[in-house]
């Protein structure tokens, strides 16, 4: 694939949403999982700040807009099926999780 070829997720595949995983650029720790629609995707590309689609509020969710815990996007990967994206981010503020934890993945099963 050439560098000038446009790559984006297939939003039609899963009813307009794709899974979005945020990973810390420095530690490689998985921070959170959310969803993106085409509008959130385009806003993320434009601003280089992670923007998601809130399924609970049914609205665009610029991560950090109310908390100050922004995610500055450094790299984006689209998976092989084009229905998930990985955002490699520089996490700002306290962390990614609304509970106050740095990562949403803090509950260990085994």
PDB file of N, CA and C in Angstrom:
ATOM      1  N   UNK A   1       0.845  -1.179   0.000  1.00  0.00           N
ATOM      2  CA  UNK A   1       0.000   0.000   0.000  1.00  0.00           C
ATOM      3  C   UNK A   1       0.890   1.242   0.000  1.00  0.00           C
ATOM      4  N   UNK A   2       0.563   2.181  -0.858  1.00  0.00           N
ATOM      5  CA  UNK A   2       1.348   3.407  -0.912  1.00  0.00           C
ATOM      6  C   UNK A   2       0.930   4.345   0.215  1.00  0.00           C
ATOM      7  N   UNK A   3       1.830   5.232   0.575  1.00  0.00           N
ATOM      8  CA  UNK A   3       1.575   6.158   1.673  1.00  0.00           C
ATOM      9  C   UNK A   3       0.466   7.155   1.367  1.00  0.00           C
ATOM     10  N   UNK A   4       0.197   7.409   0.089  1.00  0.00           N
ATOM     11  CA  UNK A   4      -0.848   8.370  -0.254  1.00  0.00           C
ATOM     12  C   UNK A   4      -2.236   7.725  -0.359  1.00  0.00           C
ATOM     13  N   UNK A   5      -2.313   6.406  -0.188  1.00  0.00           N
ATOM     14  CA  UNK A   5      -3.605   5.723  -0.226  1.00  0.00           C
ATOM     15  C   UNK A   5      -4.349   5.942   1.089  1.00  0.00           C
ATOM     16  N   UNK A   6      -5.631   6.324   0.987  1.00  0.00           N
ATOM     17  CA  UNK A   6      -6.432   6.607   2.170  1.00  0.00           C
ATOM     18  C   UNK A   6      -6.830   5.300   2.853  1.00  0.00           C
ATOM     19  N   UNK A   7      -6.538   5.200   4.130  1.00  0.00           N
ATOM     20  CA  UNK A   7      -6.899   4.037   4.924  1.00  0.00           C
ATOM     21  C   UNK A   7      -7.848   4.502   6.014  1.00  0.00           C
ATOM     22  N   UNK A   8      -8.985   3.830   6.117  1.00  0.00           N
ATOM     23  CA  UNK A   8      -9.903   4.133   7.201  1.00  0.00           C
ATOM     24  C   UNK A   8     -10.727   2.898   7.508  1.00  0.00           C
ATOM     25  N   UNK A   9     -11.298   2.864   8.707  1.00  0.00           N
ATOM     26  CA  UNK A   9     -12.118   1.716   9.089  1.00  0.00           C
ATOM     27  C   UNK A   9     -13.380   1.629   8.234  1.00  0.00           C
ATOM     28  N   UNK A  10     -13.965   0.440   8.229  1.00  0.00           N
ATOM     29  CA  UNK A  10     -15.215   0.199   7.512  1.00  0.00           C
ATOM     30  C   UNK A  10     -16.374   0.431   8.480  1.00  0.00           C
ATOM     31  N   UNK A  11     -16.897   1.641   8.494  1.00  0.00           N
ATOM     32  CA  UNK A  11     -17.949   2.013   9.437  1.00  0.00           C
ATOM     33  C   UNK A  11     -19.284   1.331   9.121  1.00  0.00           C
ATOM     34  N   UNK A  12     -19.482   0.925   7.889  1.00  0.00           N
ATOM     35  CA  UNK A  12     -20.733   0.266   7.513  1.00  0.00           C
ATOM     36  C   UNK A  12     -20.821  -1.160   8.057  1.00  0.00           C
ATOM     37  N   UNK A  13     -19.694  -1.743   8.346  1.00  0.00           N
ATOM     38  CA  UNK A  13     -19.625  -3.152   8.731  1.00  0.00           C
ATOM     39  C   UNK A  13     -20.358  -3.464  10.031  1.00  0.00           C
ATOM     40  N   UNK A  14     -20.285  -2.612  11.011  1.00  0.00           N
ATOM     41  CA  UNK A  14     -20.861  -2.870  12.328  1.00  0.00           C
ATOM     42  C   UNK A  14     -21.886  -1.798  12.714  1.00  0.00           C
ATOM     43  N   UNK A  15     -22.665  -1.380  11.756  1.00  0.00           N
ATOM     44  CA  UNK A  15     -23.722  -0.419  12.052  1.00  0.00           C
ATOM     45  C   UNK A  15     -23.254   0.986  12.311  1.00  0.00           C
ATOM     46  N   UNK A  16     -22.103   1.354  11.765  1.00  0.00           N
ATOM     47  CA  UNK A  16     -21.616   2.720  11.891  1.00  0.00           C
ATOM     48  C   UNK A  16     -20.571   2.942  12.964  1.00  0.00           C
ATOM     49  N   UNK A  17     -20.283   1.911  13.763  1.00  0.00           N
ATOM     50  CA  UNK A  17     -19.292   2.048  14.836  1.00  0.00           C
ATOM     51  C   UNK A  17     -18.156   1.045  14.658  1.00  0.00           C
ATOM     52  N   UNK A  18     -16.971   1.455  15.086  1.00  0.00           N
ATOM     53  CA  UNK A  18     -15.829   0.547  15.181  1.00  0.00           C
ATOM     54  C   UNK A  18     -15.278   0.626  16.597  1.00  0.00           C
ATOM     55  N   UNK A  19     -14.670  -0.449  17.037  1.00  0.00           N
ATOM     56  CA  UNK A  19     -14.012  -0.483  18.332  1.00  0.00           C
ATOM     57  C   UNK A  19     -12.737   0.352  18.246  1.00  0.00           C
ATOM     58  N   UNK A  20     -12.497   1.147  19.284  1.00  0.00           N
ATOM     59  CA  UNK A  20     -11.277   1.956  19.351  1.00  0.00           C
ATOM     60  C   UNK A  20     -10.555   1.639  20.654  1.00  0.00           C
ATOM     61  N   UNK A  21      -9.317   1.207  20.549  1.00  0.00           N
ATOM     62  CA  UNK A  21      -8.482   0.895  21.704  1.00  0.00           C
ATOM     63  C   UNK A  21      -7.426   1.989  21.823  1.00  0.00           C
ATOM     64  N   UNK A  22      -7.249   2.524  23.028  1.00  0.00           N
ATOM     65  CA  UNK A  22      -6.201   3.518  23.274  1.00  0.00           C
ATOM     66  C   UNK A  22      -5.067   2.852  24.043  1.00  0.00           C
ATOM     67  N   UNK A  23      -3.857   3.051  23.571  1.00  0.00           N
ATOM     68  CA  UNK A  23      -2.653   2.475  24.175  1.00  0.00           C
ATOM     69  C   UNK A  23      -1.660   3.589  24.452  1.00  0.00           C
ATOM     70  N   UNK A  24      -1.040   3.558  25.606  1.00  0.00           N
ATOM     71  CA  UNK A  24      -0.048   4.565  25.993  1.00  0.00           C
ATOM     72  C   UNK A  24       1.204   4.421  25.134  1.00  0.00           C
ATOM     73  N   UNK A  25       1.631   5.509  24.524  1.00  0.00           N
ATOM     74  CA  UNK A  25       2.795   5.474  23.636  1.00  0.00           C
ATOM     75  C   UNK A  25       4.094   5.135  24.375  1.00  0.00           C
ATOM     76  N   UNK A  26       4.230   5.547  25.622  1.00  0.00           N
ATOM     77  CA  UNK A  26       5.469   5.318  26.370  1.00  0.00           C
ATOM     78  C   UNK A  26       5.524   3.932  27.006  1.00  0.00           C
ATOM     79  N   UNK A  27       4.448   3.542  27.680  1.00  0.00           N
ATOM     80  CA  UNK A  27       4.459   2.285  28.443  1.00  0.00           C
ATOM     81  C   UNK A  27       3.881   1.108  27.681  1.00  0.00           C
ATOM     82  N   UNK A  28       3.171   1.376  26.594  1.00  0.00           N
ATOM     83  CA  UNK A  28       2.458   0.363  25.796  1.00  0.00           C
ATOM     84  C   UNK A  28       1.277  -0.241  26.548  1.00  0.00           C
ATOM     85  N   UNK A  29       0.910   0.313  27.698  1.00  0.00           N
ATOM     86  CA  UNK A  29      -0.231  -0.153  28.476  1.00  0.00           C
ATOM     87  C   UNK A  29      -1.530   0.176  27.732  1.00  0.00           C
ATOM     88  N   UNK A  30      -2.455  -0.786  27.715  1.00  0.00           N
ATOM     89  CA  UNK A  30      -3.773  -0.526  27.145  1.00  0.00           C
ATOM     90  C   UNK A  30      -4.532   0.335  28.147  1.00  0.00           C
ATOM     91  N   UNK A  31      -5.045   1.462  27.675  1.00  0.00           N
ATOM     92  CA  UNK A  31      -5.695   2.420  28.566  1.00  0.00           C
ATOM     93  C   UNK A  31      -7.205   2.270  28.610  1.00  0.00           C
ATOM     94  N   UNK A  32      -7.830   2.068  27.462  1.00  0.00           N
ATOM     95  CA  UNK A  32      -9.286   2.018  27.426  1.00  0.00           C
ATOM     96  C   UNK A  32      -9.772   1.472  26.103  1.00  0.00           C
ATOM     97  N   UNK A  33     -11.050   1.134  26.083  1.00  0.00           N
ATOM     98  CA  UNK A  33     -11.753   0.731  24.872  1.00  0.00           C
ATOM     99  C   UNK A  33     -12.983   1.608  24.745  1.00  0.00           C
ATOM    100  N   UNK A  34     -13.230   2.086  23.546  1.00  0.00           N
ATOM    101  CA  UNK A  34     -14.401   2.924  23.278  1.00  0.00           C
ATOM    102  C   UNK A  34     -14.859   2.630  21.859  1.00  0.00           C
ATOM    103  N   UNK A  35     -15.703   3.510  21.332  1.00  0.00           N
ATOM    104  CA  UNK A  35     -16.192   3.359  19.968  1.00  0.00           C
ATOM    105  C   UNK A  35     -15.970   4.645  19.194  1.00  0.00           C
ATOM    106  N   UNK A  36     -15.859   4.498  17.885  1.00  0.00           N
ATOM    107  CA  UNK A  36     -15.777   5.649  16.985  1.00  0.00           C
ATOM    108  C   UNK A  36     -16.782   5.456  15.865  1.00  0.00           C
ATOM    109  N   UNK A  37     -17.404   6.561  15.463  1.00  0.00           N
ATOM    110  CA  UNK A  37     -18.150   6.581  14.212  1.00  0.00           C
ATOM    111  C   UNK A  37     -17.327   7.419  13.232  1.00  0.00           C
ATOM    112  N   UNK A  38     -17.830   7.606  12.034  1.00  0.00           N
ATOM    113  CA  UNK A  38     -17.056   8.340  11.031  1.00  0.00           C
ATOM    114  C   UNK A  38     -16.756   9.765  11.476  1.00  0.00           C
ATOM    115  N   UNK A  39     -17.707  10.410  12.138  1.00  0.00           N
ATOM    116  CA  UNK A  39     -17.505  11.775  12.617  1.00  0.00           C
ATOM    117  C   UNK A  39     -16.386  11.833  13.659  1.00  0.00           C
ATOM    118  N   UNK A  40     -16.374  10.893  14.594  1.00  0.00           N
ATOM    119  CA  UNK A  40     -15.317  10.838  15.609  1.00  0.00           C
ATOM    120  C   UNK A  40     -13.963  10.573  14.967  1.00  0.00           C
ATOM    121  N   UNK A  41     -13.936   9.679  13.991  1.00  0.00           N
ATOM    122  CA  UNK A  41     -12.716   9.365  13.248  1.00  0.00           C
ATOM    123  C   UNK A  41     -12.157  10.623  12.579  1.00  0.00           C
ATOM    124  N   UNK A  42     -13.015  11.333  11.863  1.00  0.00           N
ATOM    125  CA  UNK A  42     -12.573  12.532  11.149  1.00  0.00           C
ATOM    126  C   UNK A  42     -12.108  13.626  12.101  1.00  0.00           C
ATOM    127  N   UNK A  43     -12.777  13.769  13.219  1.00  0.00           N
ATOM    128  CA  UNK A  43     -12.373  14.768  14.221  1.00  0.00           C
ATOM    129  C   UNK A  43     -11.013  14.400  14.820  1.00  0.00           C
ATOM    130  N   UNK A  44     -10.803  13.113  15.069  1.00  0.00           N
ATOM    131  CA  UNK A  44      -9.513  12.647  15.596  1.00  0.00           C
ATOM    132  C   UNK A  44      -8.391  12.930  14.602  1.00  0.00           C
ATOM    133  N   UNK A  45      -8.633  12.654  13.329  1.00  0.00           N
ATOM    134  CA  UNK A  45      -7.617  12.925  12.304  1.00  0.00           C
ATOM    135  C   UNK A  45      -7.324  14.416  12.202  1.00  0.00           C
ATOM    136  N   UNK A  46      -8.356  15.222  12.303  1.00  0.00           N
ATOM    137  CA  UNK A  46      -8.208  16.675  12.161  1.00  0.00           C
ATOM    138  C   UNK A  46      -7.471  17.304  13.344  1.00  0.00           C
ATOM    139  N   UNK A  47      -7.845  16.917  14.565  1.00  0.00           N
ATOM    140  CA  UNK A  47      -7.308  17.568  15.763  1.00  0.00           C
ATOM    141  C   UNK A  47      -6.105  16.861  16.368  1.00  0.00           C
ATOM    142  N   UNK A  48      -5.919  15.600  16.012  1.00  0.00           N
ATOM    143  CA  UNK A  48      -4.879  14.744  16.618  1.00  0.00           C
ATOM    144  C   UNK A  48      -5.117  14.545  18.120  1.00  0.00           C
ATOM    145  N   UNK A  49      -6.372  14.746  18.543  1.00  0.00           N
ATOM    146  CA  UNK A  49      -6.816  14.421  19.907  1.00  0.00           C
ATOM    147  C   UNK A  49      -7.895  13.357  19.780  1.00  0.00           C
ATOM    148  N   UNK A  50      -7.832  12.336  20.636  1.00  0.00           N
ATOM    149  CA  UNK A  50      -8.794  11.239  20.545  1.00  0.00           C
ATOM    150  C   UNK A  50     -10.213  11.744  20.762  1.00  0.00           C
ATOM    151  N   UNK A  51     -11.070  11.428  19.819  1.00  0.00           N
ATOM    152  CA  UNK A  51     -12.491  11.740  19.911  1.00  0.00           C
ATOM    153  C   UNK A  51     -13.243  10.448  19.657  1.00  0.00           C
ATOM    154  N   UNK A  52     -14.174  10.138  20.535  1.00  0.00           N
ATOM    155  CA  UNK A  52     -14.926   8.892  20.455  1.00  0.00           C
ATOM    156  C   UNK A  52     -16.407   9.188  20.271  1.00  0.00           C
ATOM    157  N   UNK A  53     -17.195   8.125  20.096  1.00  0.00           N
ATOM    158  CA  UNK A  53     -18.640   8.236  20.071  1.00  0.00           C
ATOM    159  C   UNK A  53     -19.160   7.638  21.363  1.00  0.00           C
ATOM    160  N   UNK A  54     -19.841   8.432  22.164  1.00  0.00           N
ATOM    161  CA  UNK A  54     -20.406   7.956  23.419  1.00  0.00           C
ATOM    162  C   UNK A  54     -21.700   7.208  23.120  1.00  0.00           C
ATOM    163  N   UNK A  55     -21.707   5.915  23.360  1.00  0.00           N
ATOM    164  CA  UNK A  55     -22.913   5.110  23.121  1.00  0.00           C
ATOM    165  C   UNK A  55     -23.952   5.352  24.210  1.00  0.00           C
ATOM    166  N   UNK A  56     -23.529   5.759  25.398  1.00  0.00           N
ATOM    167  CA  UNK A  56     -24.493   6.013  26.476  1.00  0.00           C
ATOM    168  C   UNK A  56     -25.175   7.370  26.316  1.00  0.00           C
ATOM    169  N   UNK A  57     -24.439   8.362  25.810  1.00  0.00           N
ATOM    170  CA  UNK A  57     -25.012   9.701  25.622  1.00  0.00           C
ATOM    171  C   UNK A  57     -25.441   9.963  24.186  1.00  0.00           C
ATOM    172  N   UNK A  58     -25.058   9.046  23.287  1.00  0.00           N
ATOM    173  CA  UNK A  58     -25.387   9.167  21.867  1.00  0.00           C
ATOM    174  C   UNK A  58     -24.903  10.501  21.300  1.00  0.00           C
ATOM    175  N   UNK A  59     -23.600  10.794  21.574  1.00  0.00           N
ATOM    176  CA  UNK A  59     -23.013  12.047  21.086  1.00  0.00           C
ATOM    177  C   UNK A  59     -21.508  11.917  20.955  1.00  0.00           C
ATOM    178  N   UNK A  60     -20.922  12.843  20.215  1.00  0.00           N
ATOM    179  CA  UNK A  60     -19.474  12.907  20.065  1.00  0.00           C
ATOM    180  C   UNK A  60     -18.837  13.155  21.423  1.00  0.00           C
ATOM    181  N   UNK A  61     -17.717  12.487  21.698  1.00  0.00           N
ATOM    182  CA  UNK A  61     -17.053  12.561  22.991  1.00  0.00           C
ATOM    183  C   UNK A  61     -15.560  12.852  22.796  1.00  0.00           C
ATOM    184  N   UNK A  62     -15.187  14.125  22.800  1.00  0.00           N
ATOM    185  CA  UNK A  62     -13.760  14.450  22.759  1.00  0.00           C
ATOM    186  C   UNK A  62     -13.146  14.104  24.117  1.00  0.00           C
ATOM    187  N   UNK A  63     -12.332  13.070  24.163  1.00  0.00           N
ATOM    188  CA  UNK A  63     -11.753  12.606  25.431  1.00  0.00           C
ATOM    189  C   UNK A  63     -10.969  13.741  26.066  1.00  0.00           C
ATOM    190  N   UNK A  64     -11.365  14.128  27.268  1.00  0.00           N
ATOM    191  CA  UNK A  64     -10.680  15.200  27.995  1.00  0.00           C
ATOM    192  C   UNK A  64     -11.408  16.529  27.981  1.00  0.00           C
ATOM    193  N   UNK A  65     -12.478  16.643  27.217  1.00  0.00           N
ATOM    194  CA  UNK A  65     -13.186  17.921  27.105  1.00  0.00           C
ATOM    195  C   UNK A  65     -13.703  18.409  28.457  1.00  0.00           C
ATOM    196  N   UNK A  66     -14.164  17.501  29.298  1.00  0.00           N
ATOM    197  CA  UNK A  66     -14.646  17.909  30.625  1.00  0.00           C
ATOM    198  C   UNK A  66     -13.643  17.573  31.723  1.00  0.00           C
ATOM    199  N   UNK A  67     -12.882  16.504  31.555  1.00  0.00           N
ATOM    200  CA  UNK A  67     -11.956  16.061  32.608  1.00  0.00           C
ATOM    201  C   UNK A  67     -10.577  16.709  32.518  1.00  0.00           C
ATOM    202  N   UNK A  68     -10.188  17.146  31.324  1.00  0.00           N
ATOM    203  CA  UNK A  68      -8.830  17.642  31.113  1.00  0.00           C
ATOM    204  C   UNK A  68      -7.837  16.529  30.844  1.00  0.00           C
ATOM    205  N   UNK A  69      -8.315  15.299  30.801  1.00  0.00           N
ATOM    206  CA  UNK A  69      -7.455  14.132  30.580  1.00  0.00           C
ATOM    207  C   UNK A  69      -7.414  13.780  29.090  1.00  0.00           C
ATOM    208  N   UNK A  70      -6.818  14.664  28.305  1.00  0.00           N
ATOM    209  CA  UNK A  70      -6.756  14.524  26.850  1.00  0.00           C
ATOM    210  C   UNK A  70      -5.898  13.346  26.433  1.00  0.00           C
ATOM    211  N   UNK A  71      -6.158  12.849  25.255  1.00  0.00           N
ATOM    212  CA  UNK A  71      -5.299  11.843  24.636  1.00  0.00           C
ATOM    213  C   UNK A  71      -4.790  12.417  23.325  1.00  0.00           C
ATOM    214  N   UNK A  72      -3.500  12.722  23.288  1.00  0.00           N
ATOM    215  CA  UNK A  72      -2.869  13.241  22.076  1.00  0.00           C
ATOM    216  C   UNK A  72      -2.453  12.058  21.222  1.00  0.00           C
ATOM    217  N   UNK A  73      -3.007  11.956  20.038  1.00  0.00           N
ATOM    218  CA  UNK A  73      -2.812  10.780  19.185  1.00  0.00           C
ATOM    219  C   UNK A  73      -1.485  10.889  18.443  1.00  0.00           C
ATOM    220  N   UNK A  74      -0.648   9.880  18.633  1.00  0.00           N
ATOM    221  CA  UNK A  74       0.670   9.844  17.999  1.00  0.00           C
ATOM    222  C   UNK A  74       0.720   8.896  16.805  1.00  0.00           C
ATOM    223  N   UNK A  75      -0.059   7.805  16.860  1.00  0.00           N
ATOM    224  CA  UNK A  75      -0.132   6.843  15.769  1.00  0.00           C
ATOM    225  C   UNK A  75      -1.531   6.241  15.751  1.00  0.00           C
ATOM    226  N   UNK A  76      -1.972   5.819  14.569  1.00  0.00           N
ATOM    227  CA  UNK A  76      -3.245   5.119  14.431  1.00  0.00           C
ATOM    228  C   UNK A  76      -3.031   3.899  13.546  1.00  0.00           C
ATOM    229  N   UNK A  77      -3.588   2.762  13.981  1.00  0.00           N
ATOM    230  CA  UNK A  77      -3.556   1.527  13.204  1.00  0.00           C
ATOM    231  C   UNK A  77      -4.986   1.044  12.997  1.00  0.00           C
ATOM    232  N   UNK A  78      -5.276   0.542  11.801  1.00  0.00           N
ATOM    233  CA  UNK A  78      -6.552  -0.089  11.502  1.00  0.00           C
ATOM    234  C   UNK A  78      -6.288  -1.585  11.410  1.00  0.00           C
ATOM    235  N   UNK A  79      -7.146  -2.396  12.055  1.00  0.00           N
ATOM    236  CA  UNK A  79      -6.903  -3.841  12.054  1.00  0.00           C
ATOM    237  C   UNK A  79      -7.202  -4.457  10.688  1.00  0.00           C
ATOM    238  N   UNK A  80      -6.851  -5.728  10.534  1.00  0.00           N
ATOM    239  CA  UNK A  80      -6.933  -6.426   9.249  1.00  0.00           C
ATOM    240  C   UNK A  80      -8.359  -6.552   8.721  1.00  0.00           C
ATOM    241  N   UNK A  81      -9.365  -6.527   9.587  1.00  0.00           N
ATOM    242  CA  UNK A  81     -10.759  -6.618   9.161  1.00  0.00           C
ATOM    243  C   UNK A  81     -11.403  -5.242   8.990  1.00  0.00           C
ATOM    244  N   UNK A  82     -10.662  -4.211   9.259  1.00  0.00           N
ATOM    245  CA  UNK A  82     -11.124  -2.816   9.142  1.00  0.00           C
ATOM    246  C   UNK A  82     -12.304  -2.487  10.050  1.00  0.00           C
ATOM    247  N   UNK A  83     -12.434  -3.218  11.185  1.00  0.00           N
ATOM    248  CA  UNK A  83     -13.542  -2.916  12.098  1.00  0.00           C
ATOM    249  C   UNK A  83     -13.077  -2.568  13.509  1.00  0.00           C
ATOM    250  N   UNK A  84     -11.785  -2.278  13.653  1.00  0.00           N
ATOM    251  CA  UNK A  84     -11.229  -1.836  14.932  1.00  0.00           C
ATOM    252  C   UNK A  84     -10.019  -0.956  14.649  1.00  0.00           C
ATOM    253  N   UNK A  85      -9.783  -0.009  15.561  1.00  0.00           N
ATOM    254  CA  UNK A  85      -8.613   0.858  15.431  1.00  0.00           C
ATOM    255  C   UNK A  85      -7.845   0.874  16.751  1.00  0.00           C
ATOM    256  N   UNK A  86      -6.559   1.068  16.627  1.00  0.00           N
ATOM    257  CA  UNK A  86      -5.672   1.225  17.773  1.00  0.00           C
ATOM    258  C   UNK A  86      -5.108   2.635  17.715  1.00  0.00           C
ATOM    259  N   UNK A  87      -5.385   3.407  18.761  1.00  0.00           N
ATOM    260  CA  UNK A  87      -4.822   4.750  18.877  1.00  0.00           C
ATOM    261  C   UNK A  87      -3.667   4.691  19.862  1.00  0.00           C
ATOM    262  N   UNK A  88      -2.488   5.019  19.418  1.00  0.00           N
ATOM    263  CA  UNK A  88      -1.334   5.110  20.301  1.00  0.00           C
ATOM    264  C   UNK A  88      -1.278   6.563  20.745  1.00  0.00           C
ATOM    265  N   UNK A  89      -1.457   6.770  22.052  1.00  0.00           N
ATOM    266  CA  UNK A  89      -1.690   8.127  22.554  1.00  0.00           C
ATOM    267  C   UNK A  89      -0.692   8.533  23.628  1.00  0.00           C
ATOM    268  N   UNK A  90      -0.518   9.825  23.732  1.00  0.00           N
ATOM    269  CA  UNK A  90       0.182  10.414  24.865  1.00  0.00           C
ATOM    270  C   UNK A  90      -0.926  10.881  25.810  1.00  0.00           C
ATOM    271  N   UNK A  91      -1.092  10.149  26.900  1.00  0.00           N
ATOM    272  CA  UNK A  91      -2.167  10.441  27.852  1.00  0.00           C
ATOM    273  C   UNK A  91      -1.809  11.663  28.686  1.00  0.00           C
ATOM    274  N   UNK A  92      -2.719  12.599  28.745  1.00  0.00           N
ATOM    275  CA  UNK A  92      -2.551  13.814  29.538  1.00  0.00           C
ATOM    276  C   UNK A  92      -3.408  13.724  30.795  1.00  0.00           C
ATOM    277  N   UNK A  93      -3.030  14.440  31.836  1.00  0.00           N
ATOM    278  CA  UNK A  93      -3.835  14.496  33.047  1.00  0.00           C
ATOM    279  C   UNK A  93      -3.662  13.273  33.934  1.00  0.00           C
ATOM    280  N   UNK A  94      -4.744  12.925  34.658  1.00  0.00           N
ATOM    281  CA  UNK A  94      -4.704  11.833  35.639  1.00  0.00           C
ATOM    282  C   UNK A  94      -4.661  10.462  34.999  1.00  0.00           C
ATOM    283  N   UNK A  95      -5.265  10.336  33.830  1.00  0.00           N
ATOM    284  CA  UNK A  95      -5.312   9.042  33.164  1.00  0.00           C
ATOM    285  C   UNK A  95      -6.546   8.920  32.307  1.00  0.00           C
ATOM    286  N   UNK A  96      -6.781   7.710  31.827  1.00  0.00           N
ATOM    287  CA  UNK A  96      -7.856   7.474  30.871  1.00  0.00           C
ATOM    288  C   UNK A  96      -9.182   7.120  31.523  1.00  0.00           C
ATOM    289  N   UNK A  97      -9.152   6.550  32.715  1.00  0.00           N
ATOM    290  CA  UNK A  97     -10.364   5.989  33.301  1.00  0.00           C
ATOM    291  C   UNK A  97     -11.139   6.998  34.153  1.00  0.00           C
ATOM    292  N   UNK A  98     -12.461   6.961  34.021  1.00  0.00           N
ATOM    293  CA  UNK A  98     -13.313   7.864  34.800  1.00  0.00           C
ATOM    294  C   UNK A  98     -13.313   7.535  36.289  1.00  0.00           C
ATOM    295  N   UNK A  99     -12.755   6.366  36.672  1.00  0.00           N
ATOM    296  CA  UNK A  99     -12.683   5.983  38.083  1.00  0.00           C
ATOM    297  C   UNK A  99     -11.505   6.639  38.798  1.00  0.00           C
ATOM    298  N   UNK A 100     -10.631   7.285  38.030  1.00  0.00           N
ATOM    299  CA  UNK A 100      -9.435   7.881  38.608  1.00  0.00           C
ATOM    300  C   UNK A 100      -8.195   7.026  38.390  1.00  0.00           C
ATOM    301  N   UNK A 101      -8.369   5.820  37.888  1.00  0.00           N
ATOM    302  CA  UNK A 101      -7.228   4.970  37.556  1.00  0.00           C
ATOM    303  C   UNK A 101      -6.628   5.416  36.227  1.00  0.00           C
ATOM    304  N   UNK A 102      -5.346   5.150  36.059  1.00  0.00           N
ATOM    305  CA  UNK A 102      -4.669   5.548  34.830  1.00  0.00           C
ATOM    306  C   UNK A 102      -5.222   4.786  33.631  1.00  0.00           C
ATOM    307  N   UNK A 103      -5.488   3.491  33.817  1.00  0.00           N
ATOM    308  CA  UNK A 103      -6.048   2.632  32.786  1.00  0.00           C
ATOM    309  C   UNK A 103      -7.385   2.089  33.243  1.00  0.00           C
ATOM    310  N   UNK A 104      -8.271   1.846  32.310  1.00  0.00           N
ATOM    311  CA  UNK A 104      -9.550   1.208  32.639  1.00  0.00           C
ATOM    312  C   UNK A 104      -9.363  -0.287  32.923  1.00  0.00           C
ATOM    313  N   UNK A 105      -8.220  -0.830  32.526  1.00  0.00           N
ATOM    314  CA  UNK A 105      -7.943  -2.262  32.717  1.00  0.00           C
ATOM    315  C   UNK A 105      -7.094  -2.463  33.961  1.00  0.00           C
ATOM    316  N   UNK A 106      -7.731  -2.310  35.126  1.00  0.00           N
ATOM    317  CA  UNK A 106      -7.039  -2.467  36.406  1.00  0.00           C
ATOM    318  C   UNK A 106      -7.567  -3.644  37.216  1.00  0.00           C
ATOM    319  N   UNK A 107      -8.617  -4.298  36.747  1.00  0.00           N
ATOM    320  CA  UNK A 107      -9.195  -5.434  37.465  1.00  0.00           C
ATOM    321  C   UNK A 107      -8.647  -6.730  36.894  1.00  0.00           C
ATOM    322  N   UNK A 108      -7.758  -7.371  37.635  1.00  0.00           N
ATOM    323  CA  UNK A 108      -7.112  -8.591  37.167  1.00  0.00           C
ATOM    324  C   UNK A 108      -7.990  -9.804  37.489  1.00  0.00           C
ATOM    325  N   UNK A 109      -8.189 -10.658  36.512  1.00  0.00           N
ATOM    326  CA  UNK A 109      -8.963 -11.896  36.698  1.00  0.00           C
ATOM    327  C   UNK A 109      -8.015 -13.009  37.149  1.00  0.00           C
ATOM    328  N   UNK A 110      -6.918 -13.202  36.449  1.00  0.00           N
ATOM    329  CA  UNK A 110      -5.844 -14.128  36.877  1.00  0.00           C
ATOM    330  C   UNK A 110      -4.567 -13.757  36.206  1.00  0.00           C
TER     331      UNK A 110
END
